[in-house]
Amino acid sequence: MKSFSFEVLTAEKTEFSGEISSLVVRASDGELGVLSDHAPIITPLKAGDIRFKLLDGKDERLSLAEDGLLIFNKNRATILL
């Protein structure tokens, strides 16, 4: 199973940091799914749930209380809040 690096960062702390196999976020124009080797992208995010799958197959969820920004490049996804 291919993986990529994922971080959720706020001004105060790192909410999550690790390797995951898939990511689903609420972008400004609808849901966006990201897998390993996705094309580079920078997109604004709407408040709502971030869903991602850990390498052991476990589904995880984080809730965004505010809008953010997703940056994906070279198998590294970063969400800035």
PDB file of N, CA and C in Angstrom:
ATOM      1  N   MET A   1       0.838  -1.176   0.000  1.00  0.00           N
ATOM      2  CA  MET A   1       0.000   0.000   0.000  1.00  0.00           C
ATOM      3  C   MET A   1       0.888   1.246   0.000  1.00  0.00           C
ATOM      4  N   LYS A   2       0.685   2.132  -0.951  1.00  0.00           N
ATOM      5  CA  LYS A   2       1.458   3.365  -1.019  1.00  0.00           C
ATOM      6  C   LYS A   2       0.982   4.334   0.053  1.00  0.00           C
ATOM      7  N   SER A   3       1.908   5.141   0.531  1.00  0.00           N
ATOM      8  CA  SER A   3       1.571   6.095   1.576  1.00  0.00           C
ATOM      9  C   SER A   3       2.166   7.454   1.247  1.00  0.00           C
ATOM     10  N   PHE A   4       1.756   8.445   2.037  1.00  0.00           N
ATOM     11  CA  PHE A   4       2.335   9.773   1.933  1.00  0.00           C
ATOM     12  C   PHE A   4       2.314  10.438   3.301  1.00  0.00           C
ATOM     13  N   SER A   5       3.147  11.431   3.457  1.00  0.00           N
ATOM     14  CA  SER A   5       3.271  12.169   4.706  1.00  0.00           C
ATOM     15  C   SER A   5       2.104  13.148   4.840  1.00  0.00           C
ATOM     16  N   PHE A   6       1.578  13.286   6.066  1.00  0.00           N
ATOM     17  CA  PHE A   6       0.431  14.159   6.306  1.00  0.00           C
ATOM     18  C   PHE A   6       0.615  14.894   7.621  1.00  0.00           C
ATOM     19  N   GLU A   7       0.385  16.208   7.580  1.00  0.00           N
ATOM     20  CA  GLU A   7       0.447  17.030   8.782  1.00  0.00           C
ATOM     21  C   GLU A   7      -0.725  17.994   8.800  1.00  0.00           C
ATOM     22  N   VAL A   8      -1.246  18.228  10.000  1.00  0.00           N
ATOM     23  CA  VAL A   8      -2.248  19.265  10.232  1.00  0.00           C
ATOM     24  C   VAL A   8      -1.624  20.220  11.241  1.00  0.00           C
ATOM     25  N   LEU A   9      -1.402  21.468  10.810  1.00  0.00           N
ATOM     26  CA  LEU A   9      -0.679  22.442  11.625  1.00  0.00           C
ATOM     27  C   LEU A   9      -1.545  23.650  11.951  1.00  0.00           C
ATOM     28  N   THR A  10      -1.508  24.080  13.209  1.00  0.00           N
ATOM     29  CA  THR A  10      -2.119  25.336  13.622  1.00  0.00           C
ATOM     30  C   THR A  10      -0.994  26.255  14.086  1.00  0.00           C
ATOM     31  N   ALA A  11      -1.321  27.471  14.403  1.00  0.00           N
ATOM     32  CA  ALA A  11      -0.312  28.401  14.909  1.00  0.00           C
ATOM     33  C   ALA A  11       0.241  27.936  16.256  1.00  0.00           C
ATOM     34  N   GLU A  12      -0.577  27.184  17.004  1.00  0.00           N
ATOM     35  CA  GLU A  12      -0.180  26.761  18.344  1.00  0.00           C
ATOM     36  C   GLU A  12       0.506  25.400  18.397  1.00  0.00           C
ATOM     37  N   LYS A  13       0.090  24.464  17.518  1.00  0.00           N
ATOM     38  CA  LYS A  13       0.626  23.109  17.646  1.00  0.00           C
ATOM     39  C   LYS A  13       0.403  22.285  16.379  1.00  0.00           C
ATOM     40  N   THR A  14       0.982  21.094  16.384  1.00  0.00           N
ATOM     41  CA  THR A  14       0.753  20.109  15.331  1.00  0.00           C
ATOM     42  C   THR A  14      -0.395  19.209  15.791  1.00  0.00           C
ATOM     43  N   GLU A  15      -1.513  19.229  15.063  1.00  0.00           N
ATOM     44  CA  GLU A  15      -2.680  18.418  15.419  1.00  0.00           C
ATOM     45  C   GLU A  15      -2.484  16.951  15.039  1.00  0.00           C
ATOM     46  N   PHE A  16      -1.785  16.718  13.920  1.00  0.00           N
ATOM     47  CA  PHE A  16      -1.503  15.358  13.472  1.00  0.00           C
ATOM     48  C   PHE A  16      -0.256  15.382  12.612  1.00  0.00           C
ATOM     49  N   SER A  17       0.538  14.327  12.719  1.00  0.00           N
ATOM     50  CA  SER A  17       1.696  14.157  11.859  1.00  0.00           C
ATOM     51  C   SER A  17       1.953  12.664  11.718  1.00  0.00           C
ATOM     52  N   GLY A  18       1.991  12.176  10.468  1.00  0.00           N
ATOM     53  CA  GLY A  18       2.247  10.768  10.251  1.00  0.00           C
ATOM     54  C   GLY A  18       2.079  10.371   8.803  1.00  0.00           C
ATOM     55  N   GLU A  19       2.216   9.082   8.547  1.00  0.00           N
ATOM     56  CA  GLU A  19       2.040   8.515   7.210  1.00  0.00           C
ATOM     57  C   GLU A  19       0.615   7.991   7.083  1.00  0.00           C
ATOM     58  N   ILE A  20      -0.023   8.294   5.964  1.00  0.00           N
ATOM     59  CA  ILE A  20      -1.386   7.828   5.712  1.00  0.00           C
ATOM     60  C   ILE A  20      -1.476   7.277   4.290  1.00  0.00           C
ATOM     61  N   SER A  21      -2.588   6.589   4.005  1.00  0.00           N
ATOM     62  CA  SER A  21      -2.766   6.028   2.659  1.00  0.00           C
ATOM     63  C   SER A  21      -3.816   6.769   1.841  1.00  0.00           C
ATOM     64  N   SER A  22      -4.711   7.536   2.502  1.00  0.00           N
ATOM     65  CA  SER A  22      -5.710   8.315   1.758  1.00  0.00           C
ATOM     66  C   SER A  22      -6.207   9.470   2.628  1.00  0.00           C
ATOM     67  N   LEU A  23      -6.727  10.489   1.946  1.00  0.00           N
ATOM     68  CA  LEU A  23      -7.189  11.703   2.608  1.00  0.00           C
ATOM     69  C   LEU A  23      -8.407  12.226   1.862  1.00  0.00           C
ATOM     70  N   VAL A  24      -9.426  12.653   2.602  1.00  0.00           N
ATOM     71  CA  VAL A  24     -10.605  13.294   2.010  1.00  0.00           C
ATOM     72  C   VAL A  24     -10.868  14.571   2.795  1.00  0.00           C
ATOM     73  N   VAL A  25     -10.954  15.698   2.076  1.00  0.00           N
ATOM     74  CA  VAL A  25     -11.188  16.999   2.695  1.00  0.00           C
ATOM     75  C   VAL A  25     -12.352  17.696   2.004  1.00  0.00           C
ATOM     76  N   ARG A  26     -12.865  18.718   2.661  1.00  0.00           N
ATOM     77  CA  ARG A  26     -13.950  19.524   2.086  1.00  0.00           C
ATOM     78  C   ARG A  26     -13.334  20.790   1.496  1.00  0.00           C
ATOM     79  N   ALA A  27     -13.126  20.770   0.194  1.00  0.00           N
ATOM     80  CA  ALA A  27     -12.560  21.921  -0.513  1.00  0.00           C
ATOM     81  C   ALA A  27     -13.676  22.923  -0.809  1.00  0.00           C
ATOM     82  N   SER A  28     -13.301  24.072  -1.330  1.00  0.00           N
ATOM     83  CA  SER A  28     -14.288  25.123  -1.588  1.00  0.00           C
ATOM     84  C   SER A  28     -15.330  24.725  -2.619  1.00  0.00           C
ATOM     85  N   ASP A  29     -15.003  23.788  -3.511  1.00  0.00           N
ATOM     86  CA  ASP A  29     -15.961  23.370  -4.541  1.00  0.00           C
ATOM     87  C   ASP A  29     -16.428  21.924  -4.375  1.00  0.00           C
ATOM     88  N   GLY A  30     -16.294  21.359  -3.168  1.00  0.00           N
ATOM     89  CA  GLY A  30     -16.773  19.996  -2.904  1.00  0.00           C
ATOM     90  C   GLY A  30     -15.690  19.142  -2.273  1.00  0.00           C
ATOM     91  N   GLU A  31     -15.997  17.868  -2.074  1.00  0.00           N
ATOM     92  CA  GLU A  31     -15.029  16.968  -1.461  1.00  0.00           C
ATOM     93  C   GLU A  31     -13.884  16.654  -2.422  1.00  0.00           C
ATOM     94  N   LEU A  32     -12.701  16.520  -1.847  1.00  0.00           N
ATOM     95  CA  LEU A  32     -11.504  16.234  -2.620  1.00  0.00           C
ATOM     96  C   LEU A  32     -10.803  15.041  -1.984  1.00  0.00           C
ATOM     97  N   GLY A  33     -10.529  14.022  -2.774  1.00  0.00           N
ATOM     98  CA  GLY A  33      -9.796  12.852  -2.312  1.00  0.00           C
ATOM     99  C   GLY A  33      -8.359  12.911  -2.797  1.00  0.00           C
ATOM    100  N   VAL A  34      -7.441  12.505  -1.920  1.00  0.00           N
ATOM    101  CA  VAL A  34      -6.014  12.530  -2.247  1.00  0.00           C
ATOM    102  C   VAL A  34      -5.425  11.161  -1.922  1.00  0.00           C
ATOM    103  N   LEU A  35      -4.695  10.610  -2.891  1.00  0.00           N
ATOM    104  CA  LEU A  35      -3.946   9.371  -2.719  1.00  0.00           C
ATOM    105  C   LEU A  35      -2.478   9.648  -3.018  1.00  0.00           C
ATOM    106  N   SER A  36      -1.625   8.697  -2.724  1.00  0.00           N
ATOM    107  CA  SER A  36      -0.218   8.816  -3.026  1.00  0.00           C
ATOM    108  C   SER A  36      -0.023   9.144  -4.510  1.00  0.00           C
ATOM    109  N   ASP A  37       0.970   9.956  -4.815  1.00  0.00           N
ATOM    110  CA  ASP A  37       1.317  10.368  -6.178  1.00  0.00           C
ATOM    111  C   ASP A  37       0.287  11.281  -6.830  1.00  0.00           C
ATOM    112  N   HIS A  38      -0.590  11.896  -6.027  1.00  0.00           N
ATOM    113  CA  HIS A  38      -1.547  12.881  -6.550  1.00  0.00           C
ATOM    114  C   HIS A  38      -0.766  14.040  -7.163  1.00  0.00           C
ATOM    115  N   ALA A  39      -1.351  14.695  -8.129  1.00  0.00           N
ATOM    116  CA  ALA A  39      -0.730  15.874  -8.729  1.00  0.00           C
ATOM    117  C   ALA A  39      -0.599  16.975  -7.676  1.00  0.00           C
ATOM    118  N   PRO A  40       0.412  17.808  -7.778  1.00  0.00           N
ATOM    119  CA  PRO A  40       0.558  18.917  -6.832  1.00  0.00           C
ATOM    120  C   PRO A  40      -0.694  19.802  -6.837  1.00  0.00           C
ATOM    121  N   ILE A  41      -1.077  20.253  -5.632  1.00  0.00           N
ATOM    122  CA  ILE A  41      -2.281  21.069  -5.515  1.00  0.00           C
ATOM    123  C   ILE A  41      -2.173  21.968  -4.293  1.00  0.00           C
ATOM    124  N   ILE A  42      -2.716  23.166  -4.418  1.00  0.00           N
ATOM    125  CA  ILE A  42      -2.932  24.072  -3.290  1.00  0.00           C
ATOM    126  C   ILE A  42      -4.382  24.503  -3.395  1.00  0.00           C
ATOM    127  N   THR A  43      -5.172  24.260  -2.338  1.00  0.00           N
ATOM    128  CA  THR A  43      -6.586  24.585  -2.399  1.00  0.00           C
ATOM    129  C   THR A  43      -7.101  25.019  -1.027  1.00  0.00           C
ATOM    130  N   PRO A  44      -8.010  26.003  -1.016  1.00  0.00           N
ATOM    131  CA  PRO A  44      -8.626  26.392   0.258  1.00  0.00           C
ATOM    132  C   PRO A  44      -9.591  25.306   0.728  1.00  0.00           C
ATOM    133  N   LEU A  45      -9.720  25.179   2.036  1.00  0.00           N
ATOM    134  CA  LEU A  45     -10.619  24.196   2.635  1.00  0.00           C
ATOM    135  C   LEU A  45     -11.708  24.899   3.432  1.00  0.00           C
ATOM    136  N   LYS A  46     -12.874  24.285   3.453  1.00  0.00           N
ATOM    137  CA  LYS A  46     -13.994  24.759   4.268  1.00  0.00           C
ATOM    138  C   LYS A  46     -13.960  24.038   5.605  1.00  0.00           C
ATOM    139  N   ALA A  47     -14.508  24.670   6.617  1.00  0.00           N
ATOM    140  CA  ALA A  47     -14.634  24.022   7.919  1.00  0.00           C
ATOM    141  C   ALA A  47     -15.435  22.736   7.749  1.00  0.00           C
ATOM    142  N   GLY A  48     -15.087  21.710   8.507  1.00  0.00           N
ATOM    143  CA  GLY A  48     -15.752  20.408   8.402  1.00  0.00           C
ATOM    144  C   GLY A  48     -14.777  19.297   8.736  1.00  0.00           C
ATOM    145  N   ASP A  49     -15.146  18.084   8.399  1.00  0.00           N
ATOM    146  CA  ASP A  49     -14.325  16.929   8.740  1.00  0.00           C
ATOM    147  C   ASP A  49     -13.217  16.670   7.726  1.00  0.00           C
ATOM    148  N   ILE A  50     -12.068  16.250   8.253  1.00  0.00           N
ATOM    149  CA  ILE A  50     -10.968  15.702   7.464  1.00  0.00           C
ATOM    150  C   ILE A  50     -10.995  14.207   7.752  1.00  0.00           C
ATOM    151  N   ARG A  51     -11.076  13.395   6.704  1.00  0.00           N
ATOM    152  CA  ARG A  51     -11.067  11.944   6.891  1.00  0.00           C
ATOM    153  C   ARG A  51      -9.792  11.387   6.266  1.00  0.00           C
ATOM    154  N   PHE A  52      -9.140  10.483   7.001  1.00  0.00           N
ATOM    155  CA  PHE A  52      -7.925   9.876   6.459  1.00  0.00           C
ATOM    156  C   PHE A  52      -7.767   8.467   6.998  1.00  0.00           C
ATOM    157  N   LYS A  53      -7.007   7.666   6.252  1.00  0.00           N
ATOM    158  CA  LYS A  53      -6.790   6.262   6.594  1.00  0.00           C
ATOM    159  C   LYS A  53      -5.326   6.054   6.962  1.00  0.00           C
ATOM    160  N   LEU A  54      -5.127   5.505   8.159  1.00  0.00           N
ATOM    161  CA  LEU A  54      -3.785   5.176   8.611  1.00  0.00           C
ATOM    162  C   LEU A  54      -3.275   3.936   7.885  1.00  0.00           C
ATOM    163  N   LEU A  55      -1.985   3.681   7.955  1.00  0.00           N
ATOM    164  CA  LEU A  55      -1.400   2.547   7.244  1.00  0.00           C
ATOM    165  C   LEU A  55      -1.897   1.201   7.767  1.00  0.00           C
ATOM    166  N   ASP A  56      -2.362   1.154   9.010  1.00  0.00           N
ATOM    167  CA  ASP A  56      -2.910  -0.101   9.546  1.00  0.00           C
ATOM    168  C   ASP A  56      -4.368  -0.316   9.137  1.00  0.00           C
ATOM    169  N   GLY A  57      -4.914   0.595   8.307  1.00  0.00           N
ATOM    170  CA  GLY A  57      -6.284   0.475   7.819  1.00  0.00           C
ATOM    171  C   GLY A  57      -7.316   1.188   8.659  1.00  0.00           C
ATOM    172  N   LYS A  58      -6.917   1.734   9.788  1.00  0.00           N
ATOM    173  CA  LYS A  58      -7.851   2.418  10.683  1.00  0.00           C
ATOM    174  C   LYS A  58      -8.259   3.769  10.099  1.00  0.00           C
ATOM    175  N   ASP A  59      -9.569   4.040  10.102  1.00  0.00           N
ATOM    176  CA  ASP A  59     -10.094   5.324   9.648  1.00  0.00           C
ATOM    177  C   ASP A  59     -10.027   6.338  10.786  1.00  0.00           C
ATOM    178  N   GLU A  60      -9.565   7.529  10.470  1.00  0.00           N
ATOM    179  CA  GLU A  60      -9.471   8.612  11.451  1.00  0.00           C
ATOM    180  C   GLU A  60     -10.220   9.827  10.930  1.00  0.00           C
ATOM    181  N   ARG A  61     -10.567  10.709  11.843  1.00  0.00           N
ATOM    182  CA  ARG A  61     -11.318  11.912  11.486  1.00  0.00           C
ATOM    183  C   ARG A  61     -10.888  13.043  12.406  1.00  0.00           C
ATOM    184  N   LEU A  62     -10.675  14.211  11.824  1.00  0.00           N
ATOM    185  CA  LEU A  62     -10.439  15.443  12.567  1.00  0.00           C
ATOM    186  C   LEU A  62     -11.472  16.454  12.094  1.00  0.00           C
ATOM    187  N   SER A  63     -11.956  17.271  12.995  1.00  0.00           N
ATOM    188  CA  SER A  63     -12.922  18.308  12.625  1.00  0.00           C
ATOM    189  C   SER A  63     -12.238  19.660  12.560  1.00  0.00           C
ATOM    190  N   LEU A  64     -12.452  20.345  11.448  1.00  0.00           N
ATOM    191  CA  LEU A  64     -11.937  21.703  11.286  1.00  0.00           C
ATOM    192  C   LEU A  64     -13.014  22.681  11.707  1.00  0.00           C
ATOM    193  N   ALA A  65     -12.735  23.506  12.702  1.00  0.00           N
ATOM    194  CA  ALA A  65     -13.691  24.506  13.154  1.00  0.00           C
ATOM    195  C   ALA A  65     -13.617  25.768  12.293  1.00  0.00           C
ATOM    196  N   GLU A  66     -12.566  25.865  11.496  1.00  0.00           N
ATOM    197  CA  GLU A  66     -12.370  27.043  10.663  1.00  0.00           C
ATOM    198  C   GLU A  66     -11.856  26.615   9.289  1.00  0.00           C
ATOM    199  N   ASP A  67     -11.891  27.554   8.352  1.00  0.00           N
ATOM    200  CA  ASP A  67     -11.356  27.285   7.024  1.00  0.00           C
ATOM    201  C   ASP A  67      -9.841  27.122   7.103  1.00  0.00           C
ATOM    202  N   GLY A  68      -9.276  26.444   6.120  1.00  0.00           N
ATOM    203  CA  GLY A  68      -7.839  26.215   6.105  1.00  0.00           C
ATOM    204  C   GLY A  68      -7.304  26.148   4.691  1.00  0.00           C
ATOM    205  N   LEU A  69      -6.125  25.586   4.551  1.00  0.00           N
ATOM    206  CA  LEU A  69      -5.458  25.472   3.256  1.00  0.00           C
ATOM    207  C   LEU A  69      -4.774  24.122   3.179  1.00  0.00           C
ATOM    208  N   LEU A  70      -4.977  23.410   2.055  1.00  0.00           N
ATOM    209  CA  LEU A  70      -4.304  22.143   1.802  1.00  0.00           C
ATOM    210  C   LEU A  70      -3.222  22.364   0.756  1.00  0.00           C
ATOM    211  N   ILE A  71      -2.032  21.880   1.065  1.00  0.00           N
ATOM    212  CA  ILE A  71      -0.914  21.901   0.123  1.00  0.00           C
ATOM    213  C   ILE A  71      -0.461  20.455  -0.048  1.00  0.00           C
ATOM    214  N   PHE A  72      -0.433  19.977  -1.298  1.00  0.00           N
ATOM    215  CA  PHE A  72       0.071  18.632  -1.581  1.00  0.00           C
ATOM    216  C   PHE A  72       1.127  18.735  -2.659  1.00  0.00           C
ATOM    217  N   ASN A  73       2.320  18.206  -2.360  1.00  0.00           N
ATOM    218  CA  ASN A  73       3.420  18.218  -3.329  1.00  0.00           C
ATOM    219  C   ASN A  73       4.415  17.133  -2.936  1.00  0.00           C
ATOM    220  N   LYS A  74       4.864  16.356  -3.895  1.00  0.00           N
ATOM    221  CA  LYS A  74       5.887  15.328  -3.693  1.00  0.00           C
ATOM    222  C   LYS A  74       5.540  14.379  -2.540  1.00  0.00           C
ATOM    223  N   ASN A  75       4.298  13.888  -2.551  1.00  0.00           N
ATOM    224  CA  ASN A  75       3.813  12.929  -1.559  1.00  0.00           C
ATOM    225  C   ASN A  75       3.897  13.453  -0.126  1.00  0.00           C
ATOM    226  N   ARG A  76       3.606  14.728   0.016  1.00  0.00           N
ATOM    227  CA  ARG A  76       3.527  15.368   1.324  1.00  0.00           C
ATOM    228  C   ARG A  76       2.293  16.281   1.340  1.00  0.00           C
ATOM    229  N   ALA A  77       1.350  15.967   2.230  1.00  0.00           N
ATOM    230  CA  ALA A  77       0.143  16.784   2.379  1.00  0.00           C
ATOM    231  C   ALA A  77       0.244  17.559   3.684  1.00  0.00           C
ATOM    232  N   THR A  78      -0.029  18.869   3.591  1.00  0.00           N
ATOM    233  CA  THR A  78      -0.017  19.719   4.767  1.00  0.00           C
ATOM    234  C   THR A  78      -1.289  20.532   4.781  1.00  0.00           C
ATOM    235  N   ILE A  79      -1.975  20.533   5.922  1.00  0.00           N
ATOM    236  CA  ILE A  79      -3.132  21.398   6.121  1.00  0.00           C
ATOM    237  C   ILE A  79      -2.732  22.458   7.114  1.00  0.00           C
ATOM    238  N   LEU A  80      -2.909  23.708   6.715  1.00  0.00           N
ATOM    239  CA  LEU A  80      -2.609  24.844   7.568  1.00  0.00           C
ATOM    240  C   LEU A  80      -3.900  25.470   8.043  1.00  0.00           C
ATOM    241  N   LEU A  81      -3.985  25.692   9.340  1.00  0.00           N
ATOM    242  CA  LEU A  81      -5.177  26.300   9.949  1.00  0.00           C
ATOM    243  C   LEU A  81      -4.814  27.610  10.619  1.00  0.00           C
TER     244      LEU A  81
END
